[in-house]
C-alpha atoms as a PDB file:
ATOM      1  CA  MET A   1      -0.180   0.315   0.408  1.00  0.00           C
ATOM      2  CA  LEU A   2       1.076   3.587  -0.790  1.00  0.00           C
ATOM      3  CA  ASN A   3       0.888   5.331   2.404  1.00  0.00           C
ATOM      4  CA  PHE A   4       2.909   8.167   1.781  1.00  0.00           C
ATOM      5  CA  PHE A   5       2.291  11.220  -0.575  1.00  0.00           C
ATOM      6  CA  LYS A   6       5.316  13.576  -1.103  1.00  0.00           C
ATOM      7  CA  VAL A   7       5.120  16.555  -3.785  1.00  0.00           C
ATOM      8  CA  ILE A   8       7.960  16.784  -6.290  1.00  0.00           C
ATOM      9  CA  GLY A   9       8.659  19.945  -6.973  1.00  0.00           C
ATOM     10  CA  THR A  10       7.091  23.430  -6.289  1.00  0.00           C
ATOM     11  CA  PRO A  11       4.258  25.282  -7.532  1.00  0.00           C
ATOM     12  CA  SER A  12       5.204  26.984 -10.681  1.00  0.00           C
ATOM     13  CA  ALA A  13       7.393  23.963 -11.067  1.00  0.00           C
ATOM     14  CA  LEU A  14       7.539  23.092 -15.552  1.00  0.00           C
ATOM     15  CA  SER A  15       7.115  19.824 -16.961  1.00  0.00           C
ATOM     16  CA  ASP A  16       8.372  18.074 -20.401  1.00  0.00           C
ATOM     17  CA  TRP A  17       6.834  15.069 -21.146  1.00  0.00           C
ATOM     18  CA  SER A  18       6.828  13.039 -24.342  1.00  0.00           C
ATOM     19  CA  TYR A  19       4.353  10.898 -25.821  1.00  0.00           C
ATOM     20  CA  VAL A  20       2.568   8.747 -28.597  1.00  0.00           C
ATOM     21  CA  SER A  21      -1.014   9.069 -29.699  1.00  0.00           C
ATOM     22  CA  GLN A  22      -2.882   8.137 -32.213  1.00  0.00           C
ATOM     23  CA  ARG A  23       0.851   6.984 -33.605  1.00  0.00           C
ATOM     24  CA  LYS A  24       2.293  10.199 -33.544  1.00  0.00           C
ATOM     25  CA  SER A  25       4.514  11.817 -30.890  1.00  0.00           C
ATOM     26  CA  GLN A  26       3.082  14.566 -29.482  1.00  0.00           C
ATOM     27  CA  VAL A  27       4.920  16.748 -26.471  1.00  0.00           C
ATOM     28  CA  VAL A  28       3.088  18.598 -23.582  1.00  0.00           C
ATOM     29  CA  LYS A  29       4.306  21.278 -21.021  1.00  0.00           C
ATOM     30  CA  GLU A  30       2.611  21.575 -17.731  1.00  0.00           C
ATOM     31  CA  ILE A  31       3.211  24.140 -14.662  1.00  0.00           C
ATOM     32  CA  LEU A  32       2.238  22.415 -11.453  1.00  0.00           C
ATOM     33  CA  GLU A  33      -0.512  24.573 -10.175  1.00  0.00           C
ATOM     34  CA  ASP A  34      -1.261  23.515  -6.692  1.00  0.00           C
ATOM     35  CA  ALA A  35       0.424  21.155  -4.382  1.00  0.00           C
ATOM     36  CA  ASP A  36      -1.478  19.565  -1.318  1.00  0.00           C
ATOM     37  CA  GLU A  37       0.602  17.324   0.518  1.00  0.00           C
ATOM     38  CA  GLU A  38      -2.241  16.775   3.599  1.00  0.00           C
ATOM     39  CA  ASN A  39      -5.238  16.265   0.675  1.00  0.00           C
ATOM     40  CA  LYS A  40      -2.507  14.400  -1.685  1.00  0.00           C
ATOM     41  CA  ARG A  41      -3.564  16.679  -4.465  1.00  0.00           C
ATOM     42  CA  MET A  42      -2.257  17.606  -7.184  1.00  0.00           C
ATOM     43  CA  VAL A  43      -2.939  19.987 -10.059  1.00  0.00           C
ATOM     44  CA  PHE A  44      -1.110  20.730 -13.358  1.00  0.00           C
ATOM     45  CA  ARG A  45      -1.633  23.308 -16.038  1.00  0.00           C
ATOM     46  CA  LEU A  46      -0.910  22.293 -19.415  1.00  0.00           C
ATOM     47  CA  VAL A  47       1.051  25.819 -20.865  1.00  0.00           C
ATOM     48  CA  GLU A  48       2.436  24.386 -24.161  1.00  0.00           C
ATOM     49  CA  GLY A  49       1.844  21.718 -26.458  1.00  0.00           C
ATOM     50  CA  ASP A  50       0.187  19.280 -28.932  1.00  0.00           C
ATOM     51  CA  LEU A  51      -3.013  19.106 -26.791  1.00  0.00           C
ATOM     52  CA  LEU A  52      -3.209  22.836 -27.339  1.00  0.00           C
ATOM     53  CA  ARG A  53      -3.998  22.977 -30.509  1.00  0.00           C
ATOM     54  CA  SER A  54      -7.663  21.514 -29.751  1.00  0.00           C
ATOM     55  CA  TYR A  55      -8.321  22.895 -26.371  1.00  0.00           C
ATOM     56  CA  ASP A  56      -8.511  25.971 -24.795  1.00  0.00           C
ATOM     57  CA  ASN A  57      -7.345  25.270 -20.926  1.00  0.00           C
ATOM     58  CA  TRP A  58      -6.452  21.929 -19.835  1.00  0.00           C
ATOM     59  CA  ARG A  59      -5.825  20.967 -15.905  1.00  0.00           C
ATOM     60  CA  ASN A  60      -5.065  17.410 -15.005  1.00  0.00           C
ATOM     61  CA  ILE A  61      -6.050  16.879 -11.299  1.00  0.00           C
ATOM     62  CA  LEU A  62      -4.561  13.939  -9.677  1.00  0.00           C
ATOM     63  CA  ASN A  63      -5.878  12.349  -6.231  1.00  0.00           C
ATOM     64  CA  ILE A  64      -4.332   9.400  -4.013  1.00  0.00           C
ATOM     65  CA  ARG A  65      -6.255   8.241  -1.478  1.00  0.00           C
ATOM     66  CA  PRO A  66      -5.471   5.076   0.622  1.00  0.00           C
ATOM     67  CA  THR A  67      -7.875   2.143   0.313  1.00  0.00           C
ATOM     68  CA  GLY A  68      -7.686  -0.569   2.865  1.00  0.00           C
ATOM     69  CA  GLU A  69      -4.689  -2.842   1.142  1.00  0.00           C
ATOM     70  CA  GLY A  70      -4.325  -0.505  -1.255  1.00  0.00           C
ATOM     71  CA  THR A  71      -4.761   3.165  -2.552  1.00  0.00           C
ATOM     72  CA  LEU A  72      -7.020   4.746  -5.242  1.00  0.00           C
ATOM     73  CA  VAL A  73      -5.308   7.293  -7.499  1.00  0.00           C
ATOM     74  CA  LYS A  74      -8.032   9.264  -9.784  1.00  0.00           C
ATOM     75  CA  TRP A  75      -6.991  11.679 -12.257  1.00  0.00           C
ATOM     76  CA  THR A  76      -9.547  14.054 -13.911  1.00  0.00           C
ATOM     77  CA  MET A  77      -9.171  15.916 -17.068  1.00  0.00           C
ATOM     78  CA  GLU A  78     -10.139  19.514 -17.629  1.00  0.00           C
ATOM     79  CA  PHE A  79     -10.580  20.712 -21.014  1.00  0.00           C
ATOM     80  CA  GLU A  80     -12.503  23.241 -23.493  1.00  0.00           C
ATOM     81  CA  LYS A  81     -12.236  22.604 -26.157  1.00  0.00           C
ATOM     82  CA  GLN A  82     -11.638  25.614 -28.795  1.00  0.00           C
ATOM     83  CA  ASN A  83     -14.923  24.017 -31.127  1.00  0.00           C
ATOM     84  CA  GLN A  84     -17.529  20.905 -30.949  1.00  0.00           C
ATOM     85  CA  ASP A  85     -16.206  19.112 -33.627  1.00  0.00           C
ATOM     86  CA  ILE A  86     -12.678  18.610 -31.665  1.00  0.00           C
ATOM     87  CA  PRO A  87     -13.585  14.833 -30.478  1.00  0.00           C
ATOM     88  CA  ASP A  88     -13.403  13.852 -26.596  1.00  0.00           C
ATOM     89  CA  PRO A  89      -9.460  13.424 -25.379  1.00  0.00           C
ATOM     90  CA  VAL A  90      -9.724   8.978 -24.982  1.00  0.00           C
ATOM     91  CA  GLU A  91      -6.557   9.191 -26.425  1.00  0.00           C
ATOM     92  CA  TYR A  92      -5.415  11.156 -23.694  1.00  0.00           C
ATOM     93  CA  ALA A  93      -7.141   9.655 -21.170  1.00  0.00           C
ATOM     94  CA  ALA A  94      -5.627   6.552 -22.147  1.00  0.00           C
ATOM     95  CA  SER A  95      -2.071   7.773 -21.533  1.00  0.00           C
ATOM     96  CA  LEU A  96      -2.735   8.868 -18.287  1.00  0.00           C
ATOM     97  CA  ILE A  97      -3.822   5.660 -17.084  1.00  0.00           C
ATOM     98  CA  ALA A  98      -0.878   3.661 -18.599  1.00  0.00           C
ATOM     99  CA  LEU A  99       1.332   6.162 -16.795  1.00  0.00           C
ATOM    100  CA  THR A 100      -0.407   5.040 -14.183  1.00  0.00           C
ATOM    101  CA  GLN A 101      -0.581   1.322 -14.375  1.00  0.00           C
ATOM    102  CA  ASN A 102       3.279   1.735 -15.179  1.00  0.00           C
ATOM    103  CA  ILE A 103       3.932   3.323 -11.484  1.00  0.00           C
ATOM    104  CA  ASP A 104       2.150   1.050 -10.065  1.00  0.00           C
ATOM    105  CA  ALA A 105       4.110  -1.512 -11.581  1.00  0.00           C
ATOM    106  CA  TYR A 106       7.424   0.226 -10.676  1.00  0.00           C
ATOM    107  CA  PHE A 107       6.386   0.396  -6.541  1.00  0.00           C
ATOM    108  CA  LEU A 108       4.972  -3.179  -7.000  1.00  0.00           C
ATOM    109  CA  ASN A 109       8.538  -4.460  -7.923  1.00  0.00           C
ATOM    110  CA  THR A 110      10.125  -2.646  -5.737  1.00  0.00           C
ATOM    111  CA  SER A 111       8.278  -3.313  -2.704  1.00  0.00           C
ATOM    112  CA  ARG A 112       8.975  -7.005  -3.478  1.00  0.00           C
ATOM    113  CA  SER A 113      12.751  -6.725  -3.821  1.00  0.00           C
END
């Protein structure tokens, strides 16, 4: 069980990410907008990158909550489409799920070592 939450970075810290979506390499730059260690919550706002070609505003909110023998990780994506023809960001949501699964696998592997 993940029984700690440590914010890495400080508010206003910038992070660059590269990922693949629809077989294309994409990039995004985000800023850590808010970090609340007591409530285990972090808010990231996108400031540059491929997603902002289709969305005017974008925030990812990460909430972590210990539950019994495990931990619940909840990602919330808040976004504003530039127009109604823009599809829902299903591919990006899938990348957040994959990221979370990779982190989970890392912690499980590390705890067994």
